[in-house]
Amino acid sequence: MNAIQTAMALVFVAATTSAMATAPVEATPAAKVAVVKAHVKADTVQTTTVAKEHAKATTTAVANKVAEVKDATAQKIVAAKDATITQTTEAKDTVAAETEEVKQAVTEQVVQAEEKVEAVKTEEKKSFFSWFKKKAA
């Protein structure tokens, strides 16, 4: 019977050893901590990369928006300058035209006044000489 027990013990040991060899070995707590740290580090790197890419995309979008606003503002300034120049030119042209009209009107009035003065002088001379003619006659 000893031989049977010994044979059974050997089979039992062999089976147990075989089962242990195929079963995964449970890691020690330190190994578990190392694995968790590695996962956390990988997640941190991935999160940091995503955050950097998001920040870069946001910065690019903001820079593009600033450029658009700057261009729109420049266009508005140019349009305002052009409008001011146009209005100023129109005002100058209007003033110049009105000034020319006033000059012509004043010149005409001066000429008419001079003609009237000459007419009055001529009439006075005629009446002065006619008085002498009446006296002489």
N, C-alpha and C. Protein backbone atom coordinates (compact mmCIF):
# COMPACT_ATOMS: atom_id res chain seq x y z
N MET A 1 0.80 -1.15 0.00
CA MET A 1 0.00 0.00 0.00
C MET A 1 0.86 1.25 0.00
N ASN A 2 1.97 1.14 0.56
CA ASN A 2 2.89 2.25 0.56
C ASN A 2 3.26 2.66 -0.86
N ALA A 3 3.38 1.73 -1.69
CA ALA A 3 3.73 2.01 -3.06
C ALA A 3 2.59 2.73 -3.76
N ILE A 4 1.36 2.36 -3.44
CA ILE A 4 0.20 3.01 -4.04
C ILE A 4 0.13 4.44 -3.54
N GLN A 5 0.34 4.64 -2.26
CA GLN A 5 0.29 5.98 -1.70
C GLN A 5 1.39 6.85 -2.28
N THR A 6 2.53 6.29 -2.43
CA THR A 6 3.64 7.03 -2.98
C THR A 6 3.34 7.40 -4.43
N ALA A 7 2.78 6.45 -5.19
CA ALA A 7 2.46 6.72 -6.59
C ALA A 7 1.38 7.80 -6.68
N MET A 8 0.40 7.72 -5.78
CA MET A 8 -0.67 8.71 -5.78
C MET A 8 -0.11 10.08 -5.40
N ALA A 9 0.77 10.11 -4.45
CA ALA A 9 1.37 11.36 -4.02
C ALA A 9 2.15 11.98 -5.16
N LEU A 10 2.88 11.11 -5.91
CA LEU A 10 3.64 11.62 -7.05
C LEU A 10 2.70 12.17 -8.14
N VAL A 11 1.62 11.50 -8.38
CA VAL A 11 0.67 11.95 -9.39
C VAL A 11 0.04 13.27 -8.93
N PHE A 12 -0.30 13.30 -7.63
CA PHE A 12 -0.91 14.52 -7.08
C PHE A 12 0.06 15.70 -7.19
N VAL A 13 1.32 15.49 -6.86
CA VAL A 13 2.33 16.54 -6.94
C VAL A 13 2.54 16.95 -8.39
N ALA A 14 2.58 16.00 -9.29
CA ALA A 14 2.79 16.29 -10.70
C ALA A 14 1.60 17.08 -11.25
N ALA A 15 0.40 16.69 -10.87
CA ALA A 15 -0.79 17.40 -11.34
C ALA A 15 -0.83 18.82 -10.78
N THR A 16 -0.49 18.96 -9.54
CA THR A 16 -0.49 20.28 -8.91
C THR A 16 0.56 21.16 -9.56
N THR A 17 1.73 20.63 -9.79
CA THR A 17 2.80 21.39 -10.42
C THR A 17 2.40 21.78 -11.83
N SER A 18 1.78 20.87 -12.54
CA SER A 18 1.34 21.15 -13.89
C SER A 18 0.28 22.24 -13.89
N ALA A 19 -0.64 22.14 -12.94
CA ALA A 19 -1.70 23.14 -12.85
C ALA A 19 -1.11 24.51 -12.50
N MET A 20 -0.15 24.52 -11.66
CA MET A 20 0.48 25.78 -11.25
C MET A 20 1.26 26.39 -12.41
N ALA A 21 1.82 25.54 -13.22
CA ALA A 21 2.60 26.04 -14.35
C ALA A 21 1.70 26.69 -15.39
N THR A 22 0.49 26.18 -15.57
CA THR A 22 -0.42 26.75 -16.56
C THR A 22 -1.22 27.92 -16.01
N ALA A 23 -1.39 28.01 -14.71
CA ALA A 23 -2.16 29.10 -14.10
C ALA A 23 -1.30 30.36 -14.06
N PRO A 24 -1.91 31.51 -14.30
CA PRO A 24 -1.12 32.73 -14.24
C PRO A 24 -0.67 33.01 -12.82
N VAL A 25 0.50 33.56 -12.75
CA VAL A 25 1.06 33.86 -11.45
C VAL A 25 0.52 35.21 -11.01
N GLU A 26 0.02 35.27 -9.82
CA GLU A 26 -0.52 36.54 -9.32
C GLU A 26 0.65 37.44 -8.98
N ALA A 27 0.54 38.69 -9.43
CA ALA A 27 1.64 39.62 -9.24
C ALA A 27 1.68 40.07 -7.80
N THR A 28 2.83 40.50 -7.42
CA THR A 28 2.99 41.02 -6.07
C THR A 28 2.40 42.42 -6.01
N PRO A 29 2.09 42.93 -4.84
CA PRO A 29 1.53 44.29 -4.74
C PRO A 29 2.45 45.34 -5.35
N ALA A 30 3.72 45.20 -5.23
CA ALA A 30 4.66 46.16 -5.81
C ALA A 30 4.56 46.13 -7.33
N ALA A 31 4.40 44.95 -7.91
CA ALA A 31 4.27 44.84 -9.36
C ALA A 31 2.95 45.46 -9.80
N LYS A 32 1.89 45.24 -9.00
CA LYS A 32 0.60 45.85 -9.32
C LYS A 32 0.70 47.38 -9.31
N VAL A 33 1.39 47.90 -8.32
CA VAL A 33 1.57 49.35 -8.23
C VAL A 33 2.34 49.87 -9.43
N ALA A 34 3.36 49.15 -9.86
CA ALA A 34 4.15 49.55 -11.02
C ALA A 34 3.29 49.56 -12.28
N VAL A 35 2.43 48.56 -12.42
CA VAL A 35 1.55 48.49 -13.59
C VAL A 35 0.58 49.67 -13.57
N VAL A 36 -0.01 49.94 -12.40
CA VAL A 36 -0.96 51.06 -12.28
C VAL A 36 -0.24 52.38 -12.58
N LYS A 37 0.98 52.54 -12.07
CA LYS A 37 1.74 53.76 -12.35
C LYS A 37 2.00 53.91 -13.84
N ALA A 38 2.33 52.80 -14.50
CA ALA A 38 2.59 52.84 -15.93
C ALA A 38 1.33 53.25 -16.69
N HIS A 39 0.16 52.70 -16.27
CA HIS A 39 -1.10 53.08 -16.91
C HIS A 39 -1.41 54.56 -16.68
N VAL A 40 -1.20 55.01 -15.44
CA VAL A 40 -1.45 56.43 -15.12
C VAL A 40 -0.53 57.32 -15.93
N LYS A 41 0.72 56.93 -16.04
CA LYS A 41 1.68 57.73 -16.81
C LYS A 41 1.27 57.77 -18.28
N ALA A 42 0.86 56.63 -18.83
CA ALA A 42 0.43 56.58 -20.23
C ALA A 42 -0.82 57.44 -20.42
N ASP A 43 -1.76 57.36 -19.49
CA ASP A 43 -2.97 58.19 -19.58
C ASP A 43 -2.63 59.67 -19.47
N THR A 44 -1.70 59.99 -18.59
CA THR A 44 -1.29 61.39 -18.41
C THR A 44 -0.64 61.91 -19.68
N VAL A 45 0.22 61.13 -20.29
CA VAL A 45 0.88 61.54 -21.53
C VAL A 45 -0.16 61.75 -22.63
N GLN A 46 -1.11 60.80 -22.72
CA GLN A 46 -2.14 60.91 -23.74
C GLN A 46 -3.02 62.15 -23.48
N THR A 47 -3.41 62.35 -22.23
CA THR A 47 -4.23 63.52 -21.88
C THR A 47 -3.47 64.82 -22.14
N THR A 48 -2.21 64.84 -21.80
CA THR A 48 -1.39 66.03 -22.05
C THR A 48 -1.28 66.31 -23.54
N THR A 49 -1.09 65.26 -24.31
CA THR A 49 -0.99 65.42 -25.77
C THR A 49 -2.30 65.97 -26.34
N VAL A 50 -3.42 65.41 -25.89
CA VAL A 50 -4.72 65.88 -26.36
C VAL A 50 -4.93 67.34 -25.94
N ALA A 51 -4.56 67.67 -24.70
CA ALA A 51 -4.72 69.04 -24.22
C ALA A 51 -3.85 70.00 -25.02
N LYS A 52 -2.62 69.59 -25.33
CA LYS A 52 -1.74 70.44 -26.13
C LYS A 52 -2.31 70.66 -27.52
N GLU A 53 -2.81 69.59 -28.13
CA GLU A 53 -3.40 69.72 -29.47
C GLU A 53 -4.63 70.62 -29.44
N HIS A 54 -5.44 70.47 -28.40
CA HIS A 54 -6.63 71.32 -28.26
C HIS A 54 -6.22 72.78 -28.06
N ALA A 55 -5.23 72.99 -27.23
CA ALA A 55 -4.75 74.36 -26.99
C ALA A 55 -4.18 74.97 -28.27
N LYS A 56 -3.45 74.16 -29.02
CA LYS A 56 -2.88 74.64 -30.28
C LYS A 56 -3.98 74.99 -31.27
N ALA A 57 -5.01 74.12 -31.37
CA ALA A 57 -6.13 74.38 -32.27
C ALA A 57 -6.88 75.63 -31.84
N THR A 58 -7.08 75.79 -30.54
CA THR A 58 -7.78 76.98 -30.02
C THR A 58 -6.97 78.23 -30.30
N THR A 59 -5.67 78.15 -30.09
CA THR A 59 -4.81 79.30 -30.35
C THR A 59 -4.85 79.68 -31.83
N THR A 60 -4.81 78.68 -32.69
CA THR A 60 -4.88 78.94 -34.13
C THR A 60 -6.22 79.56 -34.50
N ALA A 61 -7.30 79.05 -33.92
CA ALA A 61 -8.62 79.60 -34.21
C ALA A 61 -8.73 81.05 -33.74
N VAL A 62 -8.19 81.32 -32.55
CA VAL A 62 -8.22 82.69 -32.02
C VAL A 62 -7.38 83.61 -32.89
N ALA A 63 -6.22 83.14 -33.32
CA ALA A 63 -5.35 83.96 -34.18
C ALA A 63 -6.04 84.25 -35.50
N ASN A 64 -6.72 83.26 -36.06
CA ASN A 64 -7.45 83.48 -37.31
C ASN A 64 -8.58 84.48 -37.12
N LYS A 65 -9.28 84.38 -36.00
CA LYS A 65 -10.38 85.31 -35.72
C LYS A 65 -9.84 86.73 -35.55
N VAL A 66 -8.72 86.85 -34.85
CA VAL A 66 -8.10 88.17 -34.67
C VAL A 66 -7.70 88.75 -36.03
N ALA A 67 -7.15 87.93 -36.88
CA ALA A 67 -6.76 88.40 -38.22
C ALA A 67 -7.99 88.85 -39.00
N GLU A 68 -9.09 88.09 -38.90
CA GLU A 68 -10.32 88.48 -39.59
C GLU A 68 -10.85 89.82 -39.07
N VAL A 69 -10.85 89.96 -37.75
CA VAL A 69 -11.35 91.21 -37.15
C VAL A 69 -10.45 92.37 -37.56
N LYS A 70 -9.14 92.13 -37.56
CA LYS A 70 -8.20 93.18 -37.95
C LYS A 70 -8.42 93.60 -39.40
N ASP A 71 -8.62 92.62 -40.28
CA ASP A 71 -8.87 92.93 -41.69
C ASP A 71 -10.19 93.69 -41.86
N ALA A 72 -11.22 93.25 -41.14
CA ALA A 72 -12.52 93.92 -41.24
C ALA A 72 -12.41 95.36 -40.73
N THR A 73 -11.68 95.55 -39.64
CA THR A 73 -11.49 96.90 -39.10
C THR A 73 -10.72 97.77 -40.09
N ALA A 74 -9.69 97.21 -40.68
CA ALA A 74 -8.91 97.97 -41.67
C ALA A 74 -9.79 98.36 -42.86
N GLN A 75 -10.63 97.44 -43.30
CA GLN A 75 -11.52 97.75 -44.42
C GLN A 75 -12.52 98.84 -44.04
N LYS A 76 -13.02 98.79 -42.81
CA LYS A 76 -13.95 99.83 -42.36
C LYS A 76 -13.25 101.19 -42.29
N ILE A 77 -12.02 101.19 -41.82
CA ILE A 77 -11.26 102.45 -41.72
C ILE A 77 -11.02 103.02 -43.12
N VAL A 78 -10.64 102.15 -44.05
CA VAL A 78 -10.40 102.60 -45.43
C VAL A 78 -11.69 103.14 -46.04
N ALA A 79 -12.80 102.45 -45.78
CA ALA A 79 -14.09 102.91 -46.31
C ALA A 79 -14.47 104.26 -45.70
N ALA A 80 -14.22 104.41 -44.40
CA ALA A 80 -14.54 105.68 -43.74
C ALA A 80 -13.66 106.81 -44.30
N LYS A 81 -12.38 106.53 -44.52
CA LYS A 81 -11.49 107.53 -45.09
C LYS A 81 -11.94 107.91 -46.50
N ASP A 82 -12.29 106.91 -47.29
CA ASP A 82 -12.75 107.18 -48.65
C ASP A 82 -14.03 108.03 -48.63
N ALA A 83 -14.94 107.69 -47.72
CA ALA A 83 -16.19 108.45 -47.62
C ALA A 83 -15.90 109.89 -47.20
N THR A 84 -14.98 110.05 -46.25
CA THR A 84 -14.63 111.40 -45.80
C THR A 84 -13.99 112.20 -46.93
N ILE A 85 -13.10 111.56 -47.67
CA ILE A 85 -12.45 112.24 -48.79
C ILE A 85 -13.49 112.63 -49.84
N THR A 86 -14.41 111.72 -50.12
CA THR A 86 -15.46 112.01 -51.11
C THR A 86 -16.33 113.17 -50.65
N GLN A 87 -16.73 113.14 -49.39
CA GLN A 87 -17.57 114.22 -48.86
C GLN A 87 -16.82 115.55 -48.87
N THR A 88 -15.55 115.52 -48.49
CA THR A 88 -14.76 116.74 -48.47
C THR A 88 -14.60 117.30 -49.88
N THR A 89 -14.33 116.41 -50.83
CA THR A 89 -14.19 116.85 -52.22
C THR A 89 -15.49 117.44 -52.74
N GLU A 90 -16.61 116.78 -52.43
CA GLU A 90 -17.90 117.30 -52.86
C GLU A 90 -18.18 118.66 -52.22
N ALA A 91 -17.84 118.79 -50.94
CA ALA A 91 -18.06 120.06 -50.25
C ALA A 91 -17.19 121.16 -50.87
N LYS A 92 -15.93 120.84 -51.17
CA LYS A 92 -15.04 121.83 -51.80
C LYS A 92 -15.57 122.24 -53.17
N ASP A 93 -16.01 121.23 -53.93
CA ASP A 93 -16.55 121.54 -55.26
C ASP A 93 -17.79 122.41 -55.16
N THR A 94 -18.66 122.10 -54.20
CA THR A 94 -19.88 122.89 -54.01
C THR A 94 -19.54 124.32 -53.60
N VAL A 95 -18.61 124.44 -52.66
CA VAL A 95 -18.21 125.79 -52.20
C VAL A 95 -17.57 126.56 -53.34
N ALA A 96 -16.72 125.89 -54.12
CA ALA A 96 -16.06 126.57 -55.24
C ALA A 96 -17.10 127.03 -56.26
N ALA A 97 -18.08 126.17 -56.55
CA ALA A 97 -19.11 126.54 -57.52
C ALA A 97 -19.95 127.71 -57.00
N GLU A 98 -20.33 127.63 -55.73
CA GLU A 98 -21.13 128.72 -55.15
C GLU A 98 -20.32 130.01 -55.09
N THR A 99 -19.04 129.91 -54.77
CA THR A 99 -18.18 131.10 -54.73
C THR A 99 -18.09 131.72 -56.12
N GLU A 100 -17.95 130.88 -57.12
CA GLU A 100 -17.88 131.38 -58.50
C GLU A 100 -19.19 132.08 -58.87
N GLU A 101 -20.32 131.49 -58.48
CA GLU A 101 -21.62 132.12 -58.77
C GLU A 101 -21.73 133.47 -58.07
N VAL A 102 -21.29 133.52 -56.82
CA VAL A 102 -21.35 134.79 -56.07
C VAL A 102 -20.44 135.83 -56.72
N LYS A 103 -19.24 135.39 -57.13
CA LYS A 103 -18.33 136.33 -57.79
C LYS A 103 -18.96 136.89 -59.06
N GLN A 104 -19.56 136.00 -59.84
CA GLN A 104 -20.20 136.46 -61.08
C GLN A 104 -21.36 137.41 -60.78
N ALA A 105 -22.16 137.09 -59.77
CA ALA A 105 -23.29 137.95 -59.42
C ALA A 105 -22.78 139.31 -58.95
N VAL A 106 -21.74 139.30 -58.12
CA VAL A 106 -21.19 140.57 -57.61
C VAL A 106 -20.61 141.37 -58.78
N THR A 107 -19.89 140.69 -59.67
CA THR A 107 -19.31 141.38 -60.82
C THR A 107 -20.41 142.00 -61.68
N GLU A 108 -21.48 141.25 -61.89
CA GLU A 108 -22.60 141.78 -62.68
C GLU A 108 -23.23 142.99 -61.99
N GLN A 109 -23.38 142.90 -60.66
CA GLN A 109 -23.97 144.02 -59.93
C GLN A 109 -23.06 145.24 -59.97
N VAL A 110 -21.75 145.00 -59.88
CA VAL A 110 -20.80 146.12 -59.95
C VAL A 110 -20.87 146.77 -61.33
N VAL A 111 -20.90 145.94 -62.37
CA VAL A 111 -20.98 146.47 -63.73
C VAL A 111 -22.27 147.26 -63.90
N GLN A 112 -23.39 146.73 -63.40
CA GLN A 112 -24.67 147.43 -63.51
C GLN A 112 -24.63 148.74 -62.72
N ALA A 113 -24.00 148.69 -61.55
CA ALA A 113 -23.91 149.92 -60.74
C ALA A 113 -23.04 150.94 -61.46
N GLU A 114 -21.93 150.50 -62.06
CA GLU A 114 -21.08 151.44 -62.79
C GLU A 114 -21.82 152.02 -63.98
N GLU A 115 -22.59 151.17 -64.67
CA GLU A 115 -23.37 151.67 -65.80
C GLU A 115 -24.40 152.70 -65.34
N LYS A 116 -25.03 152.42 -64.18
CA LYS A 116 -26.01 153.38 -63.65
C LYS A 116 -25.34 154.69 -63.27
N VAL A 117 -24.15 154.56 -62.65
CA VAL A 117 -23.42 155.77 -62.28
C VAL A 117 -23.07 156.57 -63.52
N GLU A 118 -22.59 155.89 -64.56
CA GLU A 118 -22.26 156.58 -65.81
C GLU A 118 -23.51 157.22 -66.42
N ALA A 119 -24.61 156.48 -66.33
CA ALA A 119 -25.86 157.02 -66.88
C ALA A 119 -26.28 158.26 -66.10
N VAL A 120 -26.16 158.18 -64.78
CA VAL A 120 -26.53 159.35 -63.96
C VAL A 120 -25.60 160.51 -64.26
N LYS A 121 -24.30 160.25 -64.39
CA LYS A 121 -23.34 161.32 -64.70
C LYS A 121 -23.67 161.95 -66.05
N THR A 122 -23.95 161.09 -67.02
CA THR A 122 -24.29 161.60 -68.35
C THR A 122 -25.56 162.44 -68.27
N GLU A 123 -26.55 161.98 -67.51
CA GLU A 123 -27.81 162.71 -67.38
C GLU A 123 -27.57 164.05 -66.67
N GLU A 124 -26.69 164.00 -65.66
CA GLU A 124 -26.39 165.26 -64.95
C GLU A 124 -25.69 166.25 -65.89
N LYS A 125 -24.78 165.71 -66.69
CA LYS A 125 -24.09 166.61 -67.63
C LYS A 125 -25.09 167.20 -68.62
N LYS A 126 -25.99 166.37 -69.12
CA LYS A 126 -26.99 166.87 -70.08
C LYS A 126 -27.86 167.92 -69.42
N SER A 127 -28.29 167.65 -68.21
CA SER A 127 -29.18 168.63 -67.56
C SER A 127 -28.41 169.89 -67.20
N PHE A 128 -27.12 169.73 -66.84
CA PHE A 128 -26.32 170.92 -66.52
C PHE A 128 -26.15 171.79 -67.75
N PHE A 129 -25.81 171.13 -68.88
CA PHE A 129 -25.64 171.91 -70.11
C PHE A 129 -26.97 172.41 -70.64
N SER A 130 -28.03 171.66 -70.42
CA SER A 130 -29.33 172.14 -70.89
C SER A 130 -29.76 173.36 -70.08
N TRP A 131 -29.36 173.47 -68.84
CA TRP A 131 -29.69 174.63 -68.02
C TRP A 131 -29.00 175.86 -68.60
N PHE A 132 -27.71 175.64 -68.99
CA PHE A 132 -27.01 176.75 -69.63
C PHE A 132 -27.64 177.13 -70.96
N LYS A 133 -28.06 176.14 -71.68
CA LYS A 133 -28.70 176.44 -72.96
C LYS A 133 -30.00 177.19 -72.76
N LYS A 134 -30.74 176.83 -71.72
CA LYS A 134 -32.00 177.54 -71.46
C LYS A 134 -31.71 178.98 -71.04
N LYS A 135 -30.67 179.17 -70.27
CA LYS A 135 -30.32 180.50 -69.81
C LYS A 135 -29.83 181.34 -70.99
N ALA A 136 -29.10 180.72 -71.85
CA ALA A 136 -28.57 181.46 -72.97
C ALA A 136 -29.66 181.79 -74.00
N ALA A 137 -30.64 181.05 -74.06
CA ALA A 137 -31.66 181.27 -75.07
C ALA A 137 -32.65 182.33 -74.73
